[in-house]
C-alpha atoms as a PDB file:
ATOM      1  CA  MET A   1       0.003  -0.001  -0.003  1.00  0.00           C
ATOM      2  CA  THR A   2       2.870   2.348   0.864  1.00  0.00           C
ATOM      3  CA  ASN A   3       4.485   1.700  -2.517  1.00  0.00           C
ATOM      4  CA  MET A   4       1.185   2.427  -4.231  1.00  0.00           C
ATOM      5  CA  TYR A   5       0.914   5.806  -2.498  1.00  0.00           C
ATOM      6  CA  LYS A   6       4.530   6.604  -3.480  1.00  0.00           C
ATOM      7  CA  THR A   7       3.765   5.762  -7.075  1.00  0.00           C
ATOM      8  CA  ILE A   8       0.630   7.938  -7.056  1.00  0.00           C
ATOM      9  CA  GLY A   9       2.607  10.786  -5.542  1.00  0.00           C
ATOM     10  CA  THR A  10       5.367  10.492  -8.132  1.00  0.00           C
ATOM     11  CA  LEU A  11       2.838  10.526 -10.998  1.00  0.00           C
ATOM     12  CA  ALA A  12       1.203  13.605  -9.504  1.00  0.00           C
ATOM     13  CA  VAL A  13       4.547  15.451  -9.397  1.00  0.00           C
ATOM     14  CA  ILE A  14       5.314  14.490 -13.021  1.00  0.00           C
ATOM     15  CA  SER A  15       1.857  15.625 -14.125  1.00  0.00           C
ATOM     16  CA  GLY A  16       2.335  18.922 -12.369  1.00  0.00           C
ATOM     17  CA  LEU A  17       5.672  19.484 -14.079  1.00  0.00           C
ATOM     18  CA  PHE A  18       4.174  18.863 -17.508  1.00  0.00           C
ATOM     19  CA  ALA A  19       1.346  21.251 -16.658  1.00  0.00           C
ATOM     20  CA  ILE A  20       3.724  24.153 -16.028  1.00  0.00           C
ATOM     21  CA  MET A  21       6.141  23.393 -18.889  1.00  0.00           C
ATOM     22  CA  PRO A  22       5.737  25.641 -21.966  1.00  0.00           C
ATOM     23  CA  ASP A  23       4.283  24.109 -25.108  1.00  0.00           C
ATOM     24  CA  ALA A  24       7.209  22.789 -27.196  1.00  0.00           C
ATOM     25  CA  SER A  25       5.380  23.403 -30.437  1.00  0.00           C
ATOM     26  CA  GLY A  26       5.809  26.906 -31.763  1.00  0.00           C
ATOM     27  CA  LYS A  27       3.508  28.895 -33.956  1.00  0.00           C
ATOM     28  CA  ALA A  28       3.895  29.764 -37.595  1.00  0.00           C
ATOM     29  CA  VAL A  29       5.204  33.152 -38.695  1.00  0.00           C
ATOM     30  CA  THR A  30       4.911  34.424 -42.258  1.00  0.00           C
ATOM     31  CA  TYR A  31       7.334  36.588 -44.225  1.00  0.00           C
ATOM     32  CA  ILE A  32       6.210  38.220 -47.458  1.00  0.00           C
ATOM     33  CA  VAL A  33       8.206  39.032 -50.609  1.00  0.00           C
ATOM     34  CA  ASP A  34       6.384  41.909 -52.279  1.00  0.00           C
ATOM     35  CA  ASP A  35       8.302  45.181 -52.155  1.00  0.00           C
ATOM     36  CA  PRO A  36       6.253  48.096 -53.545  1.00  0.00           C
ATOM     37  CA  LYS A  37       9.467  50.094 -53.972  1.00  0.00           C
ATOM     38  CA  GLY A  38      10.953  47.546 -56.357  1.00  0.00           C
ATOM     39  CA  ARG A  39      14.108  46.795 -54.375  1.00  0.00           C
ATOM     40  CA  ASP A  40      14.008  43.045 -55.045  1.00  0.00           C
ATOM     41  CA  SER A  41      15.644  41.778 -58.218  1.00  0.00           C
ATOM     42  CA  VAL A  42      15.636  38.760 -60.505  1.00  0.00           C
ATOM     43  CA  SER A  43      18.033  38.463 -63.433  1.00  0.00           C
ATOM     44  CA  PHE A  44      18.953  35.881 -66.007  1.00  0.00           C
ATOM     45  CA  THR A  45      22.311  35.740 -67.770  1.00  0.00           C
ATOM     46  CA  SER A  46      22.872  34.114 -71.165  1.00  0.00           C
ATOM     47  CA  ASP A  47      26.571  33.919 -72.034  1.00  0.00           C
ATOM     48  CA  ALA A  48      26.619  32.740 -75.637  1.00  0.00           C
ATOM     49  CA  PRO A  49      29.691  32.966 -77.943  1.00  0.00           C
ATOM     50  CA  VAL A  50      28.120  35.758 -79.994  1.00  0.00           C
ATOM     51  CA  GLU A  51      26.574  37.890 -77.261  1.00  0.00           C
ATOM     52  CA  LEU A  52      26.131  38.272 -73.512  1.00  0.00           C
ATOM     53  CA  ILE A  53      22.495  38.949 -72.671  1.00  0.00           C
ATOM     54  CA  VAL A  54      21.257  39.970 -69.228  1.00  0.00           C
ATOM     55  CA  GLY A  55      17.557  40.350 -68.486  1.00  0.00           C
ATOM     56  CA  LYS A  56      16.262  41.904 -65.279  1.00  0.00           C
ATOM     57  CA  THR A  57      13.002  42.440 -63.400  1.00  0.00           C
ATOM     58  CA  ASN A  58      11.924  43.401 -59.882  1.00  0.00           C
ATOM     59  CA  LYS A  59       8.502  41.777 -60.248  1.00  0.00           C
ATOM     60  CA  ILE A  60       8.888  38.927 -57.780  1.00  0.00           C
ATOM     61  CA  LYS A  61       6.368  37.898 -55.124  1.00  0.00           C
ATOM     62  CA  GLY A  62       6.381  35.132 -52.540  1.00  0.00           C
ATOM     63  CA  ASN A  63       6.026  34.058 -48.969  1.00  0.00           C
ATOM     64  CA  VAL A  64       7.996  32.082 -46.394  1.00  0.00           C
ATOM     65  CA  VAL A  65       6.226  30.353 -43.516  1.00  0.00           C
ATOM     66  CA  LEU A  66       8.282  28.853 -40.682  1.00  0.00           C
ATOM     67  CA  ASP A  67       8.185  27.953 -37.019  1.00  0.00           C
ATOM     68  CA  ASP A  68       8.731  30.954 -34.721  1.00  0.00           C
ATOM     69  CA  SER A  69      11.833  29.260 -33.301  1.00  0.00           C
ATOM     70  CA  PHE A  70      13.387  29.782 -36.761  1.00  0.00           C
ATOM     71  CA  ASP A  71      14.427  26.141 -36.787  1.00  0.00           C
ATOM     72  CA  LEU A  72      14.338  25.119 -40.452  1.00  0.00           C
ATOM     73  CA  SER A  73      13.988  21.451 -39.519  1.00  0.00           C
ATOM     74  CA  LYS A  74      10.643  22.052 -37.788  1.00  0.00           C
ATOM     75  CA  PRO A  75       7.210  22.225 -39.390  1.00  0.00           C
ATOM     76  CA  PRO A  76       5.492  24.281 -40.541  1.00  0.00           C
ATOM     77  CA  LEU A  77       7.884  25.173 -43.332  1.00  0.00           C
ATOM     78  CA  GLU A  78       6.552  26.494 -46.625  1.00  0.00           C
ATOM     79  CA  ALA A  79       7.904  28.803 -49.285  1.00  0.00           C
ATOM     80  CA  SER A  80       6.802  29.805 -52.745  1.00  0.00           C
ATOM     81  CA  PHE A  81       7.857  32.472 -55.234  1.00  0.00           C
ATOM     82  CA  ASP A  82       6.677  33.683 -58.610  1.00  0.00           C
ATOM     83  CA  VAL A  83       8.261  36.013 -61.164  1.00  0.00           C
ATOM     84  CA  ASP A  84       6.473  38.057 -63.817  1.00  0.00           C
ATOM     85  CA  LEU A  85       8.337  37.020 -66.976  1.00  0.00           C
ATOM     86  CA  ALA A  86       6.623  39.598 -69.177  1.00  0.00           C
ATOM     87  CA  SER A  87       8.374  42.341 -67.198  1.00  0.00           C
ATOM     88  CA  ILE A  88      11.914  41.152 -67.969  1.00  0.00           C
ATOM     89  CA  ASP A  89      13.984  43.907 -69.560  1.00  0.00           C
ATOM     90  CA  THR A  90      17.111  43.073 -71.611  1.00  0.00           C
ATOM     91  CA  GLY A  91      17.898  46.690 -72.452  1.00  0.00           C
ATOM     92  CA  ILE A  92      16.664  46.536 -76.052  1.00  0.00           C
ATOM     93  CA  ALA A  93      12.937  46.945 -76.781  1.00  0.00           C
ATOM     94  CA  LEU A  94      12.897  44.730 -79.888  1.00  0.00           C
ATOM     95  CA  ARG A  95      14.776  41.988 -78.096  1.00  0.00           C
ATOM     96  CA  ASN A  96      12.332  42.203 -75.197  1.00  0.00           C
ATOM     97  CA  GLU A  97       9.509  41.652 -77.646  1.00  0.00           C
ATOM     98  CA  HIS A  98      11.182  38.593 -79.182  1.00  0.00           C
ATOM     99  CA  MET A  99      11.916  37.174 -75.718  1.00  0.00           C
ATOM    100  CA  ARG A 100       8.324  37.580 -74.594  1.00  0.00           C
ATOM    101  CA  ASP A 101       6.514  36.527 -77.792  1.00  0.00           C
ATOM    102  CA  ASN A 102       8.765  33.946 -79.454  1.00  0.00           C
ATOM    103  CA  PHE A 103      10.903  32.572 -76.668  1.00  0.00           C
ATOM    104  CA  LEU A 104       9.169  32.554 -73.283  1.00  0.00           C
ATOM    105  CA  GLU A 105       5.665  32.840 -74.788  1.00  0.00           C
ATOM    106  CA  THR A 106       4.538  34.945 -71.842  1.00  0.00           C
ATOM    107  CA  ALA A 107       1.011  35.327 -73.251  1.00  0.00           C
ATOM    108  CA  LYS A 108       0.537  31.605 -72.448  1.00  0.00           C
ATOM    109  CA  PHE A 109       2.993  31.245 -69.592  1.00  0.00           C
ATOM    110  CA  PRO A 110       3.273  34.617 -67.817  1.00  0.00           C
ATOM    111  CA  LYS A 111       5.079  33.458 -64.669  1.00  0.00           C
ATOM    112  CA  ALA A 112       7.944  31.338 -63.425  1.00  0.00           C
ATOM    113  CA  THR A 113       7.254  29.717 -60.054  1.00  0.00           C
ATOM    114  CA  PHE A 114       9.200  27.809 -57.420  1.00  0.00           C
ATOM    115  CA  LYS A 115       7.392  25.957 -54.655  1.00  0.00           C
ATOM    116  CA  VAL A 116       9.656  24.644 -51.933  1.00  0.00           C
ATOM    117  CA  LYS A 117       8.914  21.169 -50.594  1.00  0.00           C
ATOM    118  CA  SER A 118      11.830  20.693 -48.221  1.00  0.00           C
ATOM    119  CA  ILE A 119      14.946  22.439 -46.973  1.00  0.00           C
ATOM    120  CA  SER A 120      18.232  21.006 -45.721  1.00  0.00           C
ATOM    121  CA  ALA A 121      20.624  23.274 -43.844  1.00  0.00           C
ATOM    122  CA  THR A 122      23.604  23.130 -41.469  1.00  0.00           C
ATOM    123  CA  PRO A 123      23.164  24.896 -39.115  1.00  0.00           C
ATOM    124  CA  ASN A 124      19.411  24.702 -39.367  1.00  0.00           C
ATOM    125  CA  VAL A 125      18.484  27.552 -36.998  1.00  0.00           C
ATOM    126  CA  LEU A 126      18.355  31.126 -38.262  1.00  0.00           C
ATOM    127  CA  LYS A 127      20.081  33.594 -35.939  1.00  0.00           C
ATOM    128  CA  ASP A 128      20.272  37.356 -36.119  1.00  0.00           C
ATOM    129  CA  ARG A 129      22.649  38.524 -38.909  1.00  0.00           C
ATOM    130  CA  GLN A 130      24.125  35.041 -39.502  1.00  0.00           C
ATOM    131  CA  ARG A 131      24.057  33.800 -43.080  1.00  0.00           C
ATOM    132  CA  VAL A 132      22.977  30.194 -43.598  1.00  0.00           C
ATOM    133  CA  THR A 133      23.341  28.365 -46.900  1.00  0.00           C
ATOM    134  CA  VAL A 134      20.466  25.945 -47.474  1.00  0.00           C
ATOM    135  CA  LYS A 135      19.433  23.493 -50.185  1.00  0.00           C
ATOM    136  CA  ALA A 136      15.836  24.128 -51.195  1.00  0.00           C
ATOM    137  CA  GLN A 137      14.155  21.223 -52.969  1.00  0.00           C
ATOM    138  CA  GLY A 138      10.930  21.882 -54.796  1.00  0.00           C
ATOM    139  CA  ASP A 139       8.949  22.276 -58.015  1.00  0.00           C
ATOM    140  CA  PHE A 140      10.236  24.814 -60.532  1.00  0.00           C
ATOM    141  CA  THR A 141       7.861  25.799 -63.333  1.00  0.00           C
ATOM    142  CA  VAL A 142       8.703  27.746 -66.475  1.00  0.00           C
ATOM    143  CA  HIS A 143       6.978  27.675 -69.868  1.00  0.00           C
ATOM    144  CA  GLY A 144       4.283  25.422 -68.454  1.00  0.00           C
ATOM    145  CA  ILE A 145       6.750  22.632 -67.592  1.00  0.00           C
ATOM    146  CA  THR A 146       7.440  21.710 -63.960  1.00  0.00           C
ATOM    147  CA  VAL A 147      10.666  19.979 -62.924  1.00  0.00           C
ATOM    148  CA  ALA A 148      12.049  18.931 -59.563  1.00  0.00           C
ATOM    149  CA  LYS A 149      14.903  21.228 -58.672  1.00  0.00           C
ATOM    150  CA  SER A 150      17.446  21.624 -55.875  1.00  0.00           C
ATOM    151  CA  VAL A 151      18.532  25.222 -55.429  1.00  0.00           C
ATOM    152  CA  PRO A 152      21.295  26.641 -53.212  1.00  0.00           C
ATOM    153  CA  VAL A 153      20.036  29.637 -51.227  1.00  0.00           C
ATOM    154  CA  ASP A 154      21.869  32.024 -48.902  1.00  0.00           C
ATOM    155  CA  VAL A 155      19.487  33.079 -46.127  1.00  0.00           C
ATOM    156  CA  THR A 156      20.185  35.848 -43.601  1.00  0.00           C
ATOM    157  CA  TYR A 157      17.771  36.753 -40.835  1.00  0.00           C
ATOM    158  CA  PHE A 158      17.779  40.304 -39.436  1.00  0.00           C
ATOM    159  CA  LYS A 159      15.872  40.507 -36.171  1.00  0.00           C
ATOM    160  CA  ASN A 160      16.715  44.042 -35.109  1.00  0.00           C
ATOM    161  CA  CYS A 161      18.867  46.754 -36.611  1.00  0.00           C
ATOM    162  CA  PRO A 162      18.873  50.539 -36.887  1.00  0.00           C
ATOM    163  CA  ALA A 163      17.055  51.845 -39.925  1.00  0.00           C
ATOM    164  CA  THR A 164      20.274  53.587 -41.000  1.00  0.00           C
ATOM    165  CA  GLN A 165      21.923  50.173 -41.463  1.00  0.00           C
ATOM    166  CA  SER A 166      19.141  48.808 -43.664  1.00  0.00           C
ATOM    167  CA  LYS A 167      17.588  49.910 -46.927  1.00  0.00           C
ATOM    168  CA  PHE A 168      14.250  48.990 -45.349  1.00  0.00           C
ATOM    169  CA  GLU A 169      12.312  50.995 -42.802  1.00  0.00           C
ATOM    170  CA  ASN A 170      12.812  48.373 -40.106  1.00  0.00           C
ATOM    171  CA  CYS A 171      14.104  44.872 -39.597  1.00  0.00           C
ATOM    172  CA  ASP A 172      12.577  41.495 -38.713  1.00  0.00           C
ATOM    173  CA  LEU A 173      13.198  40.355 -42.230  1.00  0.00           C
ATOM    174  CA  ILE A 174      14.840  37.532 -44.169  1.00  0.00           C
ATOM    175  CA  GLN A 175      17.199  38.220 -47.050  1.00  0.00           C
ATOM    176  CA  ILE A 176      17.286  35.584 -49.773  1.00  0.00           C
ATOM    177  CA  LYS A 177      19.976  35.200 -52.420  1.00  0.00           C
ATOM    178  CA  SER A 178      20.373  32.423 -54.967  1.00  0.00           C
ATOM    179  CA  THR A 179      21.931  31.632 -58.357  1.00  0.00           C
ATOM    180  CA  PHE A 180      21.045  28.490 -60.313  1.00  0.00           C
ATOM    181  CA  PRO A 181      21.056  27.183 -63.904  1.00  0.00           C
ATOM    182  CA  VAL A 182      17.955  26.733 -66.039  1.00  0.00           C
ATOM    183  CA  PRO A 183      18.488  24.522 -69.126  1.00  0.00           C
ATOM    184  CA  PHE A 184      15.944  25.343 -71.843  1.00  0.00           C
ATOM    185  CA  LYS A 185      15.527  21.694 -72.779  1.00  0.00           C
ATOM    186  CA  ASP A 186      14.104  20.949 -69.310  1.00  0.00           C
ATOM    187  CA  HIS A 187      11.184  23.233 -70.092  1.00  0.00           C
ATOM    188  CA  LYS A 188      10.859  22.596 -73.843  1.00  0.00           C
ATOM    189  CA  ILE A 189      11.842  26.171 -74.666  1.00  0.00           C
ATOM    190  CA  LYS A 190      12.941  26.608 -78.269  1.00  0.00           C
ATOM    191  CA  ARG A 191      15.332  29.349 -79.208  1.00  0.00           C
ATOM    192  CA  PRO A 192      13.877  31.406 -82.067  1.00  0.00           C
ATOM    193  CA  GLU A 193      16.108  31.687 -85.148  1.00  0.00           C
ATOM    194  CA  ILE A 194      16.489  35.421 -84.763  1.00  0.00           C
ATOM    195  CA  VAL A 195      18.410  34.977 -81.482  1.00  0.00           C
ATOM    196  CA  PHE A 196      19.564  31.338 -81.852  1.00  0.00           C
ATOM    197  CA  GLN A 197      23.273  32.163 -82.123  1.00  0.00           C
ATOM    198  CA  LYS A 198      23.040  34.873 -79.496  1.00  0.00           C
ATOM    199  CA  LEU A 199      21.295  32.890 -76.771  1.00  0.00           C
ATOM    200  CA  ALA A 200      22.930  30.133 -74.711  1.00  0.00           C
ATOM    201  CA  ASP A 201      21.042  26.859 -74.220  1.00  0.00           C
ATOM    202  CA  THR A 202      21.277  27.310 -70.442  1.00  0.00           C
ATOM    203  CA  VAL A 203      20.764  30.573 -68.561  1.00  0.00           C
ATOM    204  CA  PHE A 204      21.728  31.371 -64.994  1.00  0.00           C
ATOM    205  CA  VAL A 205      19.056  32.933 -62.809  1.00  0.00           C
ATOM    206  CA  THR A 206      20.017  35.151 -59.866  1.00  0.00           C
ATOM    207  CA  ILE A 207      17.545  36.202 -57.195  1.00  0.00           C
ATOM    208  CA  ALA A 208      18.046  38.792 -54.483  1.00  0.00           C
ATOM    209  CA  ALA A 209      14.889  39.349 -52.464  1.00  0.00           C
ATOM    210  CA  THR A 210      13.819  40.336 -48.975  1.00  0.00           C
ATOM    211  CA  ALA A 211      10.911  38.757 -47.123  1.00  0.00           C
ATOM    212  CA  ARG A 212       9.438  41.023 -44.460  1.00  0.00           C
ATOM    213  CA  LYS A 213       7.375  39.818 -41.527  1.00  0.00           C
ATOM    214  CA  GLU A 214       3.665  39.906 -42.264  1.00  0.00           C
ATOM    215  CA  VAL A 215       1.867  42.620 -40.324  1.00  0.00           C
ATOM    216  CA  THR A 216      -1.681  41.942 -39.215  1.00  0.00           C
ATOM    217  CA  PRO A 217      -4.303  44.605 -40.096  1.00  0.00           C
ATOM    218  CA  ALA A 218      -4.760  45.444 -36.415  1.00  0.00           C
ATOM    219  CA  LYS A 219      -1.059  46.123 -35.897  1.00  0.00           C
ATOM    220  CA  ALA A 220      -0.794  47.987 -39.174  1.00  0.00           C
ATOM    221  CA  SER A 221      -3.632  50.353 -38.254  1.00  0.00           C
ATOM    222  CA  ALA A 222      -2.131  51.004 -34.840  1.00  0.00           C
ATOM    223  CA  LYS A 223       1.043  52.456 -36.406  1.00  0.00           C
END
């Protein structure tokens, strides 16, 4: 009987400890890529023997959802991005027209998208002002064709910093930088004859974007 009472007492103490322990599961926080001032950038570089072509746009949107512990190994973890291909500027109006109409066919396929399915990183926890290089695996879609793609991404989290040290009004943001190849054959993109000799069969895409913490309407109106 004495042992039974000891056991009951021990269980009661354990239950009490669990009752006062904080919940180990965090909550999701969302960061948005959609800068109205156009400070994000996406570029593609085609380095063919005849000509070097660089196209640029700042029309990129996206979101990053992660656990509020900023541990990239914990769910929830979601990320997706899309780029307005019709806005790409190569510096020559006629070439822009050929790229849109005959090459990328933006009337049919206006956007390029990347939806992240998983991320591997070492270290896997984002800390203030520390850059982490991750491998983002996901679905990359261009020209209506989706392929599985693994993309290296440099991620830097800025929790707090003076406005004078940032091009943004405040911090609590995630900077994202990545460069990766896109072979045209993967997406059944045909090079039109007019630029065939001037356009490489693989372009390199470079992204530099900043995801800012989503502000709820209540907090936004209070400012």
